[in-house]
Amino acid sequence: TDHRIGFTTHNMDGVFDGDLFEVTEALQKEEMAQKLEAAGMG
């Protein structure tokens, strides 16, 4: 769980094996939301 971006996964084995798609997708969504908010569009 990463409380900063509200992300939780139950596939820790996959993450440890390098399957980071869910993690990077959540980080990218949060980054985009922050950019839109900063631009007054969120």
PDB file of N, CA and C in Angstrom:
ATOM      1  N   THR A   1       0.837  -1.188   0.000  1.00  0.00           N
ATOM      2  CA  THR A   1       0.000   0.000   0.000  1.00  0.00           C
ATOM      3  C   THR A   1       0.875   1.242   0.000  1.00  0.00           C
ATOM      4  N   ASP A   2       0.541   2.163  -0.866  1.00  0.00           N
ATOM      5  CA  ASP A   2       1.179   3.475  -0.856  1.00  0.00           C
ATOM      6  C   ASP A   2       0.077   4.480  -0.581  1.00  0.00           C
ATOM      7  N   HIS A   3       0.029   4.962   0.637  1.00  0.00           N
ATOM      8  CA  HIS A   3      -1.042   5.861   1.050  1.00  0.00           C
ATOM      9  C   HIS A   3      -0.953   7.222   0.371  1.00  0.00           C
ATOM     10  N   ARG A   4       0.221   7.580  -0.110  1.00  0.00           N
ATOM     11  CA  ARG A   4       0.380   8.882  -0.765  1.00  0.00           C
ATOM     12  C   ARG A   4      -0.444   8.963  -2.034  1.00  0.00           C
ATOM     13  N   ILE A   5      -0.572   7.843  -2.736  1.00  0.00           N
ATOM     14  CA  ILE A   5      -1.319   7.851  -3.996  1.00  0.00           C
ATOM     15  C   ILE A   5      -2.557   6.972  -3.928  1.00  0.00           C
ATOM     16  N   GLY A   6      -2.844   6.401  -2.762  1.00  0.00           N
ATOM     17  CA  GLY A   6      -4.029   5.570  -2.602  1.00  0.00           C
ATOM     18  C   GLY A   6      -3.956   4.270  -3.378  1.00  0.00           C
ATOM     19  N   PHE A   7      -2.779   3.674  -3.450  1.00  0.00           N
ATOM     20  CA  PHE A   7      -2.588   2.450  -4.228  1.00  0.00           C
ATOM     21  C   PHE A   7      -2.357   1.268  -3.311  1.00  0.00           C
ATOM     22  N   THR A   8      -3.064   0.183  -3.577  1.00  0.00           N
ATOM     23  CA  THR A   8      -2.881  -1.067  -2.837  1.00  0.00           C
ATOM     24  C   THR A   8      -2.815  -2.208  -3.831  1.00  0.00           C
ATOM     25  N   THR A   9      -1.883  -3.120  -3.606  1.00  0.00           N
ATOM     26  CA  THR A   9      -1.804  -4.324  -4.423  1.00  0.00           C
ATOM     27  C   THR A   9      -1.704  -5.534  -3.512  1.00  0.00           C
ATOM     28  N   HIS A  10      -2.256  -6.624  -3.962  1.00  0.00           N
ATOM     29  CA  HIS A  10      -2.148  -7.888  -3.233  1.00  0.00           C
ATOM     30  C   HIS A  10      -1.245  -8.849  -4.003  1.00  0.00           C
ATOM     31  N   ASN A  11      -0.600  -8.339  -5.039  1.00  0.00           N
ATOM     32  CA  ASN A  11       0.279  -9.141  -5.881  1.00  0.00           C
ATOM     33  C   ASN A  11       1.738  -8.793  -5.586  1.00  0.00           C
ATOM     34  N   MET A  12       2.133  -8.908  -4.341  1.00  0.00           N
ATOM     35  CA  MET A  12       3.495  -8.535  -3.965  1.00  0.00           C
ATOM     36  C   MET A  12       4.533  -9.428  -4.627  1.00  0.00           C
ATOM     37  N   ASP A  13       4.217 -10.703  -4.812  1.00  0.00           N
ATOM     38  CA  ASP A  13       5.168 -11.583  -5.498  1.00  0.00           C
ATOM     39  C   ASP A  13       5.463 -11.055  -6.898  1.00  0.00           C
ATOM     40  N   GLY A  14       4.420 -10.618  -7.593  1.00  0.00           N
ATOM     41  CA  GLY A  14       4.609 -10.069  -8.930  1.00  0.00           C
ATOM     42  C   GLY A  14       5.442  -8.801  -8.909  1.00  0.00           C
ATOM     43  N   VAL A  15       5.179  -7.933  -7.939  1.00  0.00           N
ATOM     44  CA  VAL A  15       5.952  -6.694  -7.821  1.00  0.00           C
ATOM     45  C   VAL A  15       7.414  -7.019  -7.554  1.00  0.00           C
ATOM     46  N   PHE A  16       7.652  -7.956  -6.648  1.00  0.00           N
ATOM     47  CA  PHE A  16       9.033  -8.339  -6.338  1.00  0.00           C
ATOM     48  C   PHE A  16       9.723  -8.985  -7.537  1.00  0.00           C
ATOM     49  N   ASP A  17       8.940  -9.611  -8.405  1.00  0.00           N
ATOM     50  CA  ASP A  17       9.500 -10.236  -9.608  1.00  0.00           C
ATOM     51  C   ASP A  17       9.672  -9.238 -10.754  1.00  0.00           C
ATOM     52  N   GLY A  18       9.286  -7.982 -10.530  1.00  0.00           N
ATOM     53  CA  GLY A  18       9.497  -6.954 -11.542  1.00  0.00           C
ATOM     54  C   GLY A  18       8.258  -6.553 -12.308  1.00  0.00           C
ATOM     55  N   ASP A  19       7.095  -7.115 -11.969  1.00  0.00           N
ATOM     56  CA  ASP A  19       5.848  -6.744 -12.639  1.00  0.00           C
ATOM     57  C   ASP A  19       5.347  -5.446 -12.011  1.00  0.00           C
ATOM     58  N   LEU A  20       5.785  -4.327 -12.566  1.00  0.00           N
ATOM     59  CA  LEU A  20       5.520  -3.023 -11.971  1.00  0.00           C
ATOM     60  C   LEU A  20       4.458  -2.223 -12.713  1.00  0.00           C
ATOM     61  N   PHE A  21       3.739  -2.845 -13.636  1.00  0.00           N
ATOM     62  CA  PHE A  21       2.753  -2.112 -14.431  1.00  0.00           C
ATOM     63  C   PHE A  21       1.727  -1.408 -13.551  1.00  0.00           C
ATOM     64  N   GLU A  22       1.150  -2.117 -12.586  1.00  0.00           N
ATOM     65  CA  GLU A  22       0.125  -1.515 -11.724  1.00  0.00           C
ATOM     66  C   GLU A  22       0.694  -0.352 -10.923  1.00  0.00           C
ATOM     67  N   VAL A  23       1.911  -0.511 -10.442  1.00  0.00           N
ATOM     68  CA  VAL A  23       2.549   0.530  -9.636  1.00  0.00           C
ATOM     69  C   VAL A  23       2.819   1.764 -10.492  1.00  0.00           C
ATOM     70  N   THR A  24       3.420   1.580 -11.654  1.00  0.00           N
ATOM     71  CA  THR A  24       3.742   2.728 -12.500  1.00  0.00           C
ATOM     72  C   THR A  24       2.478   3.399 -13.029  1.00  0.00           C
ATOM     73  N   GLU A  25       1.454   2.619 -13.311  1.00  0.00           N
ATOM     74  CA  GLU A  25       0.190   3.197 -13.776  1.00  0.00           C
ATOM     75  C   GLU A  25      -0.423   4.091 -12.695  1.00  0.00           C
ATOM     76  N   ALA A  26      -0.426   3.630 -11.453  1.00  0.00           N
ATOM     77  CA  ALA A  26      -0.968   4.421 -10.348  1.00  0.00           C
ATOM     78  C   ALA A  26      -0.158   5.697 -10.141  1.00  0.00           C
ATOM     79  N   LEU A  27       1.158   5.594 -10.228  1.00  0.00           N
ATOM     80  CA  LEU A  27       2.014   6.774 -10.080  1.00  0.00           C
ATOM     81  C   LEU A  27       1.773   7.779 -11.202  1.00  0.00           C
ATOM     82  N   GLN A  28       1.617   7.294 -12.429  1.00  0.00           N
ATOM     83  CA  GLN A  28       1.373   8.185 -13.566  1.00  0.00           C
ATOM     84  C   GLN A  28       0.022   8.881 -13.437  1.00  0.00           C
ATOM     85  N   LYS A  29      -0.996   8.163 -12.986  1.00  0.00           N
ATOM     86  CA  LYS A  29      -2.318   8.772 -12.804  1.00  0.00           C
ATOM     87  C   LYS A  29      -2.272   9.868 -11.753  1.00  0.00           C
ATOM     88  N   GLU A  30      -1.576   9.611 -10.650  1.00  0.00           N
ATOM     89  CA  GLU A  30      -1.465  10.612  -9.591  1.00  0.00           C
ATOM     90  C   GLU A  30      -0.683  11.829 -10.072  1.00  0.00           C
ATOM     91  N   GLU A  31       0.380  11.601 -10.812  1.00  0.00           N
ATOM     92  CA  GLU A  31       1.166  12.715 -11.344  1.00  0.00           C
ATOM     93  C   GLU A  31       0.314  13.577 -12.277  1.00  0.00           C
ATOM     94  N   MET A  32      -0.461  12.941 -13.137  1.00  0.00           N
ATOM     95  CA  MET A  32      -1.318  13.682 -14.065  1.00  0.00           C
ATOM     96  C   MET A  32      -2.378  14.474 -13.297  1.00  0.00           C
ATOM     97  N   ALA A  33      -2.966  13.876 -12.281  1.00  0.00           N
ATOM     98  CA  ALA A  33      -3.972  14.567 -11.474  1.00  0.00           C
ATOM     99  C   ALA A  33      -3.368  15.800 -10.802  1.00  0.00           C
ATOM    100  N   GLN A  34      -2.157  15.674 -10.301  1.00  0.00           N
ATOM    101  CA  GLN A  34      -1.492  16.813  -9.665  1.00  0.00           C
ATOM    102  C   GLN A  34      -1.189  17.911 -10.671  1.00  0.00           C
ATOM    103  N   LYS A  35      -0.766  17.535 -11.865  1.00  0.00           N
ATOM    104  CA  LYS A  35      -0.471  18.528 -12.901  1.00  0.00           C
ATOM    105  C   LYS A  35      -1.741  19.251 -13.339  1.00  0.00           C
ATOM    106  N   LEU A  36      -2.832  18.515 -13.495  1.00  0.00           N
ATOM    107  CA  LEU A  36      -4.097  19.135 -13.889  1.00  0.00           C
ATOM    108  C   LEU A  36      -4.595  20.084 -12.806  1.00  0.00           C
ATOM    109  N   GLU A  37      -4.455  19.675 -11.556  1.00  0.00           N
ATOM    110  CA  GLU A  37      -4.880  20.531 -10.450  1.00  0.00           C
ATOM    111  C   GLU A  37      -4.039  21.807 -10.408  1.00  0.00           C
ATOM    112  N   ALA A  38      -2.740  21.669 -10.601  1.00  0.00           N
ATOM    113  CA  ALA A  38      -1.853  22.831 -10.588  1.00  0.00           C
ATOM    114  C   ALA A  38      -2.171  23.787 -11.736  1.00  0.00           C
ATOM    115  N   ALA A  39      -2.645  23.246 -12.841  1.00  0.00           N
ATOM    116  CA  ALA A  39      -2.984  24.069 -14.001  1.00  0.00           C
ATOM    117  C   ALA A  39      -4.402  24.629 -13.908  1.00  0.00           C
ATOM    118  N   GLY A  40      -5.103  24.294 -12.821  1.00  0.00           N
ATOM    119  CA  GLY A  40      -6.462  24.787 -12.645  1.00  0.00           C
ATOM    120  C   GLY A  40      -7.488  24.028 -13.449  1.00  0.00           C
ATOM    121  N   MET A  41      -7.134  22.812 -13.868  1.00  0.00           N
ATOM    122  CA  MET A  41      -8.034  22.023 -14.700  1.00  0.00           C
ATOM    123  C   MET A  41      -8.561  20.799 -13.958  1.00  0.00           C
ATOM    124  N   GLY A  42      -8.289  20.696 -12.680  1.00  0.00           N
ATOM    125  CA  GLY A  42      -8.667  19.492 -11.961  1.00  0.00           C
ATOM    126  C   GLY A  42      -9.583  19.713 -10.904  1.00  0.00           C
TER     127      GLY A  42
END
